[in-house]
């Protein structure tokens, strides 16, 4: 990630450069730039130009997966969603009378590219990592109710943003699933050998027996921890 925070203060509510007043309820809104040639720093610089009305994102993602951080989402809201006169039910669920919708969005991600499938594999992974980081920062779930497409917010002029309706839900589900995989800790298992006990296995991995049995994969041993057999697979992390 390249940190290149805007200096023109063309963001924030209720005035330019004003800090957030509202706790976000939307984890992220995903966009595409619809520009096949500009890179993430180009997009950041355009948002930072004199006279800019505000950035289109808190972060811009290049075709190679490079992320340019333009706005600190913990402190400021970006002008990203534009016209919110035609939101679908997902966006409507977050709207508060008298509150600019942008203040309720934590991370607004612009992916550089155009076409029916603008995300490269590298961009897809970078966005999933951003979603995971946003969850860690806010505690908001990484699910379809909290990760929106621009088309969810403006269904008139952004109907195919970031994907056409025919493919959008499949891609949204895929990127949400990847972010949740990133958030899950890695699982480590061992194979039981003759003479092993669960207590000894736990101790060798610096666990108590109770902690070992707490893993859902080891639930079958809770009634009788002595009932293990060579070849059994036991989770230890």
C-alpha atoms as a PDB file:
ATOM      1  CA  UNK A   1       0.000   0.000   0.000  1.00  0.00           C
ATOM      2  CA  UNK A   2       1.168   3.497  -0.870  1.00  0.00           C
ATOM      3  CA  UNK A   3      -0.038   6.190   1.495  1.00  0.00           C
ATOM      4  CA  UNK A   4      -0.634   9.456  -0.388  1.00  0.00           C
ATOM      5  CA  UNK A   5      -3.266  11.270   1.643  1.00  0.00           C
ATOM      6  CA  UNK A   6      -5.021  14.106  -0.099  1.00  0.00           C
ATOM      7  CA  UNK A   7      -3.831  17.599   0.736  1.00  0.00           C
ATOM      8  CA  UNK A   8      -6.674  19.613  -0.774  1.00  0.00           C
ATOM      9  CA  UNK A   9      -9.164  18.663   1.981  1.00  0.00           C
ATOM     10  CA  UNK A  10     -11.885  18.012  -0.595  1.00  0.00           C
ATOM     11  CA  UNK A  11     -13.559  15.427   1.610  1.00  0.00           C
ATOM     12  CA  UNK A  12     -15.218  15.127   4.998  1.00  0.00           C
ATOM     13  CA  UNK A  13     -18.616  16.163   6.291  1.00  0.00           C
ATOM     14  CA  UNK A  14     -20.331  18.475   7.056  1.00  0.00           C
ATOM     15  CA  UNK A  15     -17.617  20.753   5.635  1.00  0.00           C
ATOM     16  CA  UNK A  16     -14.471  20.224   3.608  1.00  0.00           C
ATOM     17  CA  UNK A  17     -11.925  18.295   5.606  1.00  0.00           C
ATOM     18  CA  UNK A  18     -14.274  17.843   8.572  1.00  0.00           C
ATOM     19  CA  UNK A  19     -13.781  14.726  10.706  1.00  0.00           C
ATOM     20  CA  UNK A  20     -16.355  11.971  10.776  1.00  0.00           C
ATOM     21  CA  UNK A  21     -19.291  12.628  13.065  1.00  0.00           C
ATOM     22  CA  UNK A  22     -21.020   9.294  12.552  1.00  0.00           C
ATOM     23  CA  UNK A  23     -19.930   5.760  13.304  1.00  0.00           C
ATOM     24  CA  UNK A  24     -19.890   3.873   9.989  1.00  0.00           C
ATOM     25  CA  UNK A  25     -22.562   1.247   9.399  1.00  0.00           C
ATOM     26  CA  UNK A  26     -21.389   0.270   5.889  1.00  0.00           C
ATOM     27  CA  UNK A  27     -18.086  -1.593   5.791  1.00  0.00           C
ATOM     28  CA  UNK A  28     -17.313  -0.713   2.170  1.00  0.00           C
ATOM     29  CA  UNK A  29     -18.727   0.350  -1.161  1.00  0.00           C
ATOM     30  CA  UNK A  30     -16.983  -1.107  -4.219  1.00  0.00           C
ATOM     31  CA  UNK A  31     -16.576   0.887  -7.430  1.00  0.00           C
ATOM     32  CA  UNK A  32     -14.758   0.754 -10.733  1.00  0.00           C
ATOM     33  CA  UNK A  33     -13.240   3.864 -12.284  1.00  0.00           C
ATOM     34  CA  UNK A  34     -14.521   3.077 -15.807  1.00  0.00           C
ATOM     35  CA  UNK A  35     -11.120   4.326 -16.979  1.00  0.00           C
ATOM     36  CA  UNK A  36      -9.013   1.666 -18.661  1.00  0.00           C
ATOM     37  CA  UNK A  37      -5.763   3.651 -18.707  1.00  0.00           C
ATOM     38  CA  UNK A  38      -5.434   5.670 -15.486  1.00  0.00           C
ATOM     39  CA  UNK A  39      -3.579   4.095 -12.574  1.00  0.00           C
ATOM     40  CA  UNK A  40      -4.326   4.471  -8.860  1.00  0.00           C
ATOM     41  CA  UNK A  41      -1.953   7.406  -8.372  1.00  0.00           C
ATOM     42  CA  UNK A  42      -3.458   9.134 -11.415  1.00  0.00           C
ATOM     43  CA  UNK A  43      -6.896   8.772  -9.842  1.00  0.00           C
ATOM     44  CA  UNK A  44      -5.602  10.026  -6.504  1.00  0.00           C
ATOM     45  CA  UNK A  45      -3.972  13.034  -8.148  1.00  0.00           C
ATOM     46  CA  UNK A  46      -7.168  13.833 -10.027  1.00  0.00           C
ATOM     47  CA  UNK A  47      -9.056  13.853  -6.722  1.00  0.00           C
ATOM     48  CA  UNK A  48      -6.335  16.066  -5.265  1.00  0.00           C
ATOM     49  CA  UNK A  49      -6.488  18.656  -8.051  1.00  0.00           C
ATOM     50  CA  UNK A  50      -7.327  22.269  -7.326  1.00  0.00           C
ATOM     51  CA  UNK A  51     -11.060  22.775  -7.325  1.00  0.00           C
ATOM     52  CA  UNK A  52     -11.863  19.111  -6.695  1.00  0.00           C
ATOM     53  CA  UNK A  53     -15.265  18.553  -5.126  1.00  0.00           C
ATOM     54  CA  UNK A  54     -13.965  15.472  -3.357  1.00  0.00           C
ATOM     55  CA  UNK A  55     -12.294  12.101  -3.857  1.00  0.00           C
ATOM     56  CA  UNK A  56     -14.162   9.211  -5.380  1.00  0.00           C
ATOM     57  CA  UNK A  57     -12.591   6.833  -2.865  1.00  0.00           C
ATOM     58  CA  UNK A  58     -10.655   6.343   0.313  1.00  0.00           C
ATOM     59  CA  UNK A  59      -8.433   3.907  -1.612  1.00  0.00           C
ATOM     60  CA  UNK A  60      -7.610   3.296  -5.281  1.00  0.00           C
ATOM     61  CA  UNK A  61      -6.493  -0.140  -6.506  1.00  0.00           C
ATOM     62  CA  UNK A  62      -4.329  -0.555  -9.602  1.00  0.00           C
ATOM     63  CA  UNK A  63      -4.355  -3.387 -12.100  1.00  0.00           C
ATOM     64  CA  UNK A  64      -1.305  -4.925 -10.423  1.00  0.00           C
ATOM     65  CA  UNK A  65      -2.963  -4.821  -6.992  1.00  0.00           C
ATOM     66  CA  UNK A  66      -1.165  -1.697  -5.784  1.00  0.00           C
ATOM     67  CA  UNK A  67      -3.319   0.229  -3.313  1.00  0.00           C
ATOM     68  CA  UNK A  68      -3.037   3.996  -2.981  1.00  0.00           C
ATOM     69  CA  UNK A  69      -4.491   5.241   0.289  1.00  0.00           C
ATOM     70  CA  UNK A  70      -5.972   8.703  -0.356  1.00  0.00           C
ATOM     71  CA  UNK A  71      -8.117   9.244   2.742  1.00  0.00           C
ATOM     72  CA  UNK A  72      -7.808   7.878   6.277  1.00  0.00           C
ATOM     73  CA  UNK A  73     -11.236   6.229   6.656  1.00  0.00           C
ATOM     74  CA  UNK A  74     -11.019   6.157  10.430  1.00  0.00           C
ATOM     75  CA  UNK A  75     -10.925   9.959  10.492  1.00  0.00           C
ATOM     76  CA  UNK A  76     -12.739  11.146   7.383  1.00  0.00           C
ATOM     77  CA  UNK A  77     -15.471  10.151   4.963  1.00  0.00           C
ATOM     78  CA  UNK A  78     -14.880  10.313   1.219  1.00  0.00           C
ATOM     79  CA  UNK A  79     -17.300  11.695  -1.338  1.00  0.00           C
ATOM     80  CA  UNK A  80     -17.810   8.500  -3.244  1.00  0.00           C
ATOM     81  CA  UNK A  81     -21.386   7.475  -3.685  1.00  0.00           C
ATOM     82  CA  UNK A  82     -22.686  10.507  -5.563  1.00  0.00           C
ATOM     83  CA  UNK A  83     -26.425  10.593  -6.226  1.00  0.00           C
ATOM     84  CA  UNK A  84     -28.216   8.526  -3.585  1.00  0.00           C
ATOM     85  CA  UNK A  85     -31.727   9.252  -4.873  1.00  0.00           C
ATOM     86  CA  UNK A  86     -32.253   5.705  -6.171  1.00  0.00           C
ATOM     87  CA  UNK A  87     -30.816   3.293  -3.572  1.00  0.00           C
ATOM     88  CA  UNK A  88     -31.832  -0.333  -3.383  1.00  0.00           C
ATOM     89  CA  UNK A  89     -32.878  -2.050  -0.157  1.00  0.00           C
ATOM     90  CA  UNK A  90     -29.287  -2.779   0.922  1.00  0.00           C
ATOM     91  CA  UNK A  91     -28.400   0.907   0.926  1.00  0.00           C
ATOM     92  CA  UNK A  92     -31.765   2.014   2.272  1.00  0.00           C
ATOM     93  CA  UNK A  93     -31.221  -0.120   5.364  1.00  0.00           C
ATOM     94  CA  UNK A  94     -28.279   2.104   6.329  1.00  0.00           C
ATOM     95  CA  UNK A  95     -29.724   5.510   5.535  1.00  0.00           C
ATOM     96  CA  UNK A  96     -30.478   7.949   8.349  1.00  0.00           C
ATOM     97  CA  UNK A  97     -32.652  11.040   7.791  1.00  0.00           C
ATOM     98  CA  UNK A  98     -30.561  14.189   7.692  1.00  0.00           C
ATOM     99  CA  UNK A  99     -27.266  12.297   7.474  1.00  0.00           C
ATOM    100  CA  UNK A 100     -25.130  12.279   4.350  1.00  0.00           C
ATOM    101  CA  UNK A 101     -24.885   8.625   3.328  1.00  0.00           C
ATOM    102  CA  UNK A 102     -21.160   8.989   2.695  1.00  0.00           C
ATOM    103  CA  UNK A 103     -20.566   9.502   6.408  1.00  0.00           C
ATOM    104  CA  UNK A 104     -21.920   6.023   7.059  1.00  0.00           C
ATOM    105  CA  UNK A 105     -19.450   4.324   4.692  1.00  0.00           C
ATOM    106  CA  UNK A 106     -16.081   3.318   6.138  1.00  0.00           C
ATOM    107  CA  UNK A 107     -14.085   2.254   3.067  1.00  0.00           C
ATOM    108  CA  UNK A 108     -14.853   3.381  -0.480  1.00  0.00           C
ATOM    109  CA  UNK A 109     -12.741   1.397  -2.925  1.00  0.00           C
ATOM    110  CA  UNK A 110     -12.180   2.464  -6.536  1.00  0.00           C
ATOM    111  CA  UNK A 111     -10.746  -0.287  -8.747  1.00  0.00           C
ATOM    112  CA  UNK A 112      -8.939   1.012 -11.808  1.00  0.00           C
ATOM    113  CA  UNK A 113     -10.333  -0.486 -14.989  1.00  0.00           C
ATOM    114  CA  UNK A 114     -13.307  -0.719 -17.262  1.00  0.00           C
ATOM    115  CA  UNK A 115     -15.471  -3.348 -18.873  1.00  0.00           C
ATOM    116  CA  UNK A 116     -17.729  -6.115 -17.697  1.00  0.00           C
ATOM    117  CA  UNK A 117     -15.082  -7.680 -15.440  1.00  0.00           C
ATOM    118  CA  UNK A 118     -12.803  -4.823 -14.351  1.00  0.00           C
ATOM    119  CA  UNK A 119     -11.126  -6.630 -11.446  1.00  0.00           C
ATOM    120  CA  UNK A 120      -7.893  -8.463 -12.211  1.00  0.00           C
ATOM    121  CA  UNK A 121      -6.886 -11.314  -9.899  1.00  0.00           C
ATOM    122  CA  UNK A 122      -4.425  -8.975  -8.159  1.00  0.00           C
ATOM    123  CA  UNK A 123      -7.115  -6.343  -7.644  1.00  0.00           C
ATOM    124  CA  UNK A 124      -9.544  -8.945  -6.379  1.00  0.00           C
ATOM    125  CA  UNK A 125      -7.060 -10.036  -3.705  1.00  0.00           C
ATOM    126  CA  UNK A 126      -6.190  -6.440  -2.770  1.00  0.00           C
ATOM    127  CA  UNK A 127      -9.855  -5.544  -2.290  1.00  0.00           C
ATOM    128  CA  UNK A 128     -10.433  -8.652  -0.161  1.00  0.00           C
ATOM    129  CA  UNK A 129      -7.483  -7.612   2.013  1.00  0.00           C
ATOM    130  CA  UNK A 130      -8.975  -4.109   2.344  1.00  0.00           C
ATOM    131  CA  UNK A 131     -12.304  -5.600   3.423  1.00  0.00           C
ATOM    132  CA  UNK A 132     -10.573  -7.753   6.030  1.00  0.00           C
ATOM    133  CA  UNK A 133      -8.657  -4.733   7.362  1.00  0.00           C
ATOM    134  CA  UNK A 134     -11.858  -2.692   7.471  1.00  0.00           C
ATOM    135  CA  UNK A 135     -13.501  -5.404   9.557  1.00  0.00           C
ATOM    136  CA  UNK A 136     -10.593  -5.376  11.995  1.00  0.00           C
ATOM    137  CA  UNK A 137     -10.888  -1.594  12.300  1.00  0.00           C
ATOM    138  CA  UNK A 138     -14.668  -1.383  12.688  1.00  0.00           C
ATOM    139  CA  UNK A 139     -15.974  -4.755  13.800  1.00  0.00           C
ATOM    140  CA  UNK A 140     -18.603  -4.577  11.042  1.00  0.00           C
ATOM    141  CA  UNK A 141     -19.427  -7.920   9.405  1.00  0.00           C
ATOM    142  CA  UNK A 142     -18.005  -8.744   5.993  1.00  0.00           C
ATOM    143  CA  UNK A 143     -21.288  -9.731   4.401  1.00  0.00           C
ATOM    144  CA  UNK A 144     -23.569  -8.575   1.631  1.00  0.00           C
ATOM    145  CA  UNK A 145     -25.576  -6.354   3.978  1.00  0.00           C
ATOM    146  CA  UNK A 146     -22.436  -4.350   4.811  1.00  0.00           C
ATOM    147  CA  UNK A 147     -20.398  -4.587   1.593  1.00  0.00           C
ATOM    148  CA  UNK A 148     -22.230  -2.696  -1.140  1.00  0.00           C
ATOM    149  CA  UNK A 149     -21.727  -2.128  -4.826  1.00  0.00           C
ATOM    150  CA  UNK A 150     -21.986   1.395  -6.203  1.00  0.00           C
ATOM    151  CA  UNK A 151     -25.053   0.202  -8.103  1.00  0.00           C
ATOM    152  CA  UNK A 152     -26.731  -0.544  -4.753  1.00  0.00           C
ATOM    153  CA  UNK A 153     -26.478   3.148  -3.907  1.00  0.00           C
ATOM    154  CA  UNK A 154     -27.062   4.705  -7.311  1.00  0.00           C
ATOM    155  CA  UNK A 155     -28.963   2.308  -9.518  1.00  0.00           C
ATOM    156  CA  UNK A 156     -29.548   4.878 -12.269  1.00  0.00           C
ATOM    157  CA  UNK A 157     -26.192   6.088 -13.539  1.00  0.00           C
ATOM    158  CA  UNK A 158     -24.113   3.297 -11.950  1.00  0.00           C
ATOM    159  CA  UNK A 159     -26.219   0.299 -12.887  1.00  0.00           C
ATOM    160  CA  UNK A 160     -23.180  -1.782 -13.937  1.00  0.00           C
ATOM    161  CA  UNK A 161     -20.775  -0.611 -11.240  1.00  0.00           C
ATOM    162  CA  UNK A 162     -18.622  -2.500 -10.442  1.00  0.00           C
ATOM    163  CA  UNK A 163     -20.126  -5.434 -12.344  1.00  0.00           C
ATOM    164  CA  UNK A 164     -23.218  -5.885 -14.520  1.00  0.00           C
ATOM    165  CA  UNK A 165     -26.274  -7.166 -12.685  1.00  0.00           C
ATOM    166  CA  UNK A 166     -25.917 -10.579 -14.368  1.00  0.00           C
ATOM    167  CA  UNK A 167     -22.571 -11.281 -12.679  1.00  0.00           C
ATOM    168  CA  UNK A 168     -22.547  -8.895  -9.722  1.00  0.00           C
ATOM    169  CA  UNK A 169     -23.861 -11.171  -6.985  1.00  0.00           C
ATOM    170  CA  UNK A 170     -21.511 -14.016  -7.877  1.00  0.00           C
ATOM    171  CA  UNK A 171     -18.498 -11.704  -7.743  1.00  0.00           C
ATOM    172  CA  UNK A 172     -19.678  -9.962  -4.572  1.00  0.00           C
ATOM    173  CA  UNK A 173     -20.122 -13.349  -2.894  1.00  0.00           C
ATOM    174  CA  UNK A 174     -16.669 -14.447  -4.041  1.00  0.00           C
ATOM    175  CA  UNK A 175     -14.871 -11.359  -2.763  1.00  0.00           C
ATOM    176  CA  UNK A 176     -16.751 -11.432   0.553  1.00  0.00           C
ATOM    177  CA  UNK A 177     -15.883 -15.115   0.997  1.00  0.00           C
ATOM    178  CA  UNK A 178     -12.214 -14.416   0.291  1.00  0.00           C
ATOM    179  CA  UNK A 179     -12.116 -11.604   2.867  1.00  0.00           C
ATOM    180  CA  UNK A 180     -13.639 -13.893   5.477  1.00  0.00           C
ATOM    181  CA  UNK A 181     -11.095 -16.580   4.662  1.00  0.00           C
ATOM    182  CA  UNK A 182      -8.335 -14.048   5.278  1.00  0.00           C
ATOM    183  CA  UNK A 183      -9.876 -13.233   8.651  1.00  0.00           C
ATOM    184  CA  UNK A 184     -10.040 -16.849   9.787  1.00  0.00           C
ATOM    185  CA  UNK A 185      -6.931 -18.023  11.638  1.00  0.00           C
ATOM    186  CA  UNK A 186      -5.032 -20.884   9.990  1.00  0.00           C
ATOM    187  CA  UNK A 187      -5.899 -24.333  11.275  1.00  0.00           C
ATOM    188  CA  UNK A 188      -3.115 -26.734  12.232  1.00  0.00           C
ATOM    189  CA  UNK A 189      -3.757 -30.436  12.762  1.00  0.00           C
ATOM    190  CA  UNK A 190      -1.700 -33.444  13.779  1.00  0.00           C
ATOM    191  CA  UNK A 191      -2.213 -37.151  13.166  1.00  0.00           C
ATOM    192  CA  UNK A 192      -2.498 -39.309  16.281  1.00  0.00           C
ATOM    193  CA  UNK A 193       0.236 -41.926  16.669  1.00  0.00           C
ATOM    194  CA  UNK A 194       0.189 -45.100  18.760  1.00  0.00           C
ATOM    195  CA  UNK A 195       0.668 -44.209  22.417  1.00  0.00           C
ATOM    196  CA  UNK A 196      -0.493 -40.594  22.057  1.00  0.00           C
ATOM    197  CA  UNK A 197      -2.958 -39.033  24.483  1.00  0.00           C
ATOM    198  CA  UNK A 198      -4.900 -35.828  24.004  1.00  0.00           C
ATOM    199  CA  UNK A 199      -3.313 -34.428  27.130  1.00  0.00           C
ATOM    200  CA  UNK A 200       0.178 -35.063  25.781  1.00  0.00           C
ATOM    201  CA  UNK A 201      -0.732 -33.633  22.368  1.00  0.00           C
ATOM    202  CA  UNK A 202      -2.155 -30.523  24.038  1.00  0.00           C
ATOM    203  CA  UNK A 203       0.910 -30.069  26.224  1.00  0.00           C
ATOM    204  CA  UNK A 204       3.308 -30.445  23.300  1.00  0.00           C
ATOM    205  CA  UNK A 205       1.505 -27.573  21.550  1.00  0.00           C
ATOM    206  CA  UNK A 206       1.383 -25.397  24.679  1.00  0.00           C
ATOM    207  CA  UNK A 207      -2.336 -25.909  25.165  1.00  0.00           C
ATOM    208  CA  UNK A 208      -4.430 -27.089  28.068  1.00  0.00           C
ATOM    209  CA  UNK A 209      -6.595 -30.108  27.431  1.00  0.00           C
ATOM    210  CA  UNK A 210      -9.655 -27.870  27.818  1.00  0.00           C
ATOM    211  CA  UNK A 211      -8.342 -25.514  25.126  1.00  0.00           C
ATOM    212  CA  UNK A 212      -7.674 -28.425  22.785  1.00  0.00           C
ATOM    213  CA  UNK A 213     -11.178 -29.790  23.290  1.00  0.00           C
ATOM    214  CA  UNK A 214     -12.671 -26.329  22.704  1.00  0.00           C
ATOM    215  CA  UNK A 215     -11.809 -26.490  18.994  1.00  0.00           C
ATOM    216  CA  UNK A 216     -14.982 -27.525  17.160  1.00  0.00           C
ATOM    217  CA  UNK A 217     -13.012 -30.085  15.123  1.00  0.00           C
ATOM    218  CA  UNK A 218     -12.194 -31.924  18.394  1.00  0.00           C
ATOM    219  CA  UNK A 219     -15.754 -31.960  19.753  1.00  0.00           C
ATOM    220  CA  UNK A 220     -16.077 -35.750  19.346  1.00  0.00           C
ATOM    221  CA  UNK A 221     -13.511 -36.257  22.147  1.00  0.00           C
ATOM    222  CA  UNK A 222     -15.235 -34.094  24.771  1.00  0.00           C
ATOM    223  CA  UNK A 223     -17.359 -36.895  26.212  1.00  0.00           C
ATOM    224  CA  UNK A 224     -14.289 -39.120  26.649  1.00  0.00           C
ATOM    225  CA  UNK A 225     -10.854 -37.601  25.849  1.00  0.00           C
ATOM    226  CA  UNK A 226      -9.347 -41.086  26.094  1.00  0.00           C
ATOM    227  CA  UNK A 227     -11.135 -42.320  22.988  1.00  0.00           C
ATOM    228  CA  UNK A 228      -8.529 -41.523  20.386  1.00  0.00           C
ATOM    229  CA  UNK A 229      -7.032 -43.879  17.840  1.00  0.00           C
ATOM    230  CA  UNK A 230      -3.890 -43.870  15.683  1.00  0.00           C
ATOM    231  CA  UNK A 231      -4.630 -42.037  12.483  1.00  0.00           C
ATOM    232  CA  UNK A 232      -7.168 -39.666  14.028  1.00  0.00           C
ATOM    233  CA  UNK A 233      -6.678 -36.021  13.071  1.00  0.00           C
ATOM    234  CA  UNK A 234      -6.666 -33.543  15.957  1.00  0.00           C
ATOM    235  CA  UNK A 235      -6.706 -29.758  15.636  1.00  0.00           C
ATOM    236  CA  UNK A 236      -3.971 -28.067  17.688  1.00  0.00           C
ATOM    237  CA  UNK A 237      -4.196 -24.482  16.398  1.00  0.00           C
END
